[in-house]
Every structure is written in C-alpha cells, then in structure tokens.
Amino acid sequence: MMKIALTRQFLQRYNSLSQIDRKLCDAALAALPNAFGHPHRHAGLGVRALRRGLYECRPSQSVRVGFTRHGDTLLLHTVGNHETIRTWLRANS
C-alpha cells in the first residue's frame, strides 16, 4: 500500500484552506493511497499525470493537490486552485 508524506509548503497551504475545502481534501487524500495506480478506483478522485513524475488529485472542482511518487510514498507538495498547480508545474519544469 502507498503511504502519504507532506511537505512544509503543502501544510502551509492546507492550513489556509477553508474548513469545507480541508474536509474535501482529507476525504480525497484518505482514499488516494489505495487508489493510486488503479484507474477504476481513482476515477472520482480526479488523479492524473500532469508531466512525467508530477501528478494532481482534485478533491473538488476548485481544490487541487500536486504530488510526486517516490517508491511507495506519495509526496504532497502543494494544494490550492488551478493557478497554484500551474505555478508548481512551472517551478518543477
């Protein structure tokens, strides 16, 4: 089973989310370890590869989580809106 690790940047951005967005994020991230790599399981999570090694999960239409995979660990880098993910992608290109 996959594990989840959090970066400091992710935690800072997570803490700035509204309570509703944090609950949506929590639910999606609880399901992510079992679903990652199994397309039929993660259909509702909106998991997709953005670039080689960079992924996103969409807990809601407005909240997205950017992460990478390192062996059996999913490292969560950022959370926010579409522009947050675009900025993260530019920084990692």
Protein backbone atom coordinates (compact mmCIF):
# COMPACT_ATOMS: atom_id res chain seq x y z
CA MET A 1 0.00 0.00 0.00
CA MET A 2 1.16 3.51 -0.76
CA LYS A 3 1.97 5.99 2.02
CA ILE A 4 1.50 9.75 2.06
CA ALA A 5 4.10 12.30 3.14
CA LEU A 6 3.57 16.05 3.39
CA THR A 7 5.93 18.91 2.60
CA ARG A 8 6.04 22.09 4.67
CA GLN A 9 4.64 24.03 1.71
CA PHE A 10 1.68 21.65 1.48
CA LEU A 11 0.91 22.07 5.18
CA GLN A 12 1.07 25.86 4.97
CA ARG A 13 -1.30 25.94 2.00
CA TYR A 14 -3.58 23.29 3.54
CA ASN A 15 -3.94 25.36 6.70
CA SER A 16 -5.04 28.37 4.65
CA LEU A 17 -7.94 26.43 3.04
CA SER A 18 -11.49 26.88 4.26
CA GLN A 19 -12.83 24.25 6.64
CA ILE A 20 -15.04 22.79 3.88
CA ASP A 21 -12.11 22.54 1.46
CA ARG A 22 -9.96 20.88 4.15
CA LYS A 23 -12.68 18.25 4.71
CA LEU A 24 -12.91 17.56 0.96
CA CYS A 25 -9.14 17.36 0.80
CA ASP A 26 -8.99 14.99 3.79
CA ALA A 27 -11.51 12.62 2.22
CA ALA A 28 -9.68 12.55 -1.12
CA LEU A 29 -6.28 12.04 0.49
CA ALA A 30 -7.59 9.22 2.67
CA ALA A 31 -8.64 7.36 -0.49
CA LEU A 32 -5.57 8.24 -2.56
CA PRO A 33 -3.06 5.61 -1.26
CA ASN A 34 -5.33 2.68 -2.13
CA ALA A 35 -6.47 4.18 -5.44
CA PHE A 36 -3.20 5.43 -6.94
CA GLY A 37 -2.19 3.29 -9.89
CA HIS A 38 -5.67 1.76 -10.25
CA PRO A 39 -7.60 3.95 -12.73
CA HIS A 40 -11.02 2.49 -11.97
CA ARG A 41 -10.58 3.12 -8.25
CA HIS A 42 -9.39 6.71 -8.55
CA ALA A 43 -11.94 7.90 -11.14
CA GLY A 44 -13.75 10.03 -8.56
CA LEU A 45 -10.53 11.49 -7.20
CA GLY A 46 -9.52 13.10 -10.47
CA VAL A 47 -5.97 11.72 -10.32
CA ARG A 48 -3.95 12.38 -13.43
CA ALA A 49 -0.38 12.73 -14.57
CA LEU A 50 0.48 16.32 -15.44
CA ARG A 51 4.04 15.65 -16.55
CA ARG A 52 6.41 12.77 -16.10
CA GLY A 53 6.51 12.17 -12.36
CA LEU A 54 4.15 15.06 -11.46
CA TYR A 55 0.54 14.32 -10.59
CA GLU A 56 -2.58 16.06 -9.36
CA CYS A 57 -5.61 14.95 -7.43
CA ARG A 58 -8.81 17.01 -7.50
CA PRO A 59 -10.78 16.79 -4.23
CA SER A 60 -13.29 19.29 -5.68
CA GLN A 61 -13.69 21.50 -8.74
CA SER A 62 -11.76 24.29 -7.07
CA VAL A 63 -9.20 22.38 -4.96
CA ARG A 64 -6.26 20.51 -6.44
CA VAL A 65 -3.33 18.73 -4.84
CA GLY A 66 0.06 18.48 -6.56
CA PHE A 67 2.20 15.46 -5.68
CA THR A 68 5.04 13.19 -6.77
CA ARG A 69 5.65 9.50 -6.31
CA HIS A 70 8.80 8.20 -4.63
CA GLY A 71 8.66 4.40 -4.47
CA ASP A 72 5.73 3.53 -2.24
CA THR A 73 5.32 7.11 -0.98
CA LEU A 74 3.18 9.89 -2.46
CA LEU A 75 4.78 13.21 -1.51
CA LEU A 76 2.21 16.02 -1.38
CA HIS A 77 3.83 19.30 -2.46
CA THR A 78 1.04 21.85 -2.79
CA VAL A 79 -2.69 22.36 -2.57
CA GLY A 80 -4.84 25.13 -3.97
CA ASN A 81 -6.61 26.19 -7.12
CA HIS A 82 -5.69 25.65 -10.77
CA GLU A 83 -3.25 28.57 -10.74
CA THR A 84 -1.44 27.12 -7.70
CA ILE A 85 -0.85 23.90 -9.62
CA ARG A 86 0.30 25.81 -12.74
CA THR A 87 2.83 27.73 -10.62
CA TRP A 88 4.07 24.49 -9.08
CA LEU A 89 4.45 22.93 -12.54
CA ARG A 90 6.45 25.91 -13.80
CA ALA A 91 8.74 25.67 -10.77
CA ASN A 92 9.33 21.95 -11.49
CA SER A 93 9.88 22.03 -15.24
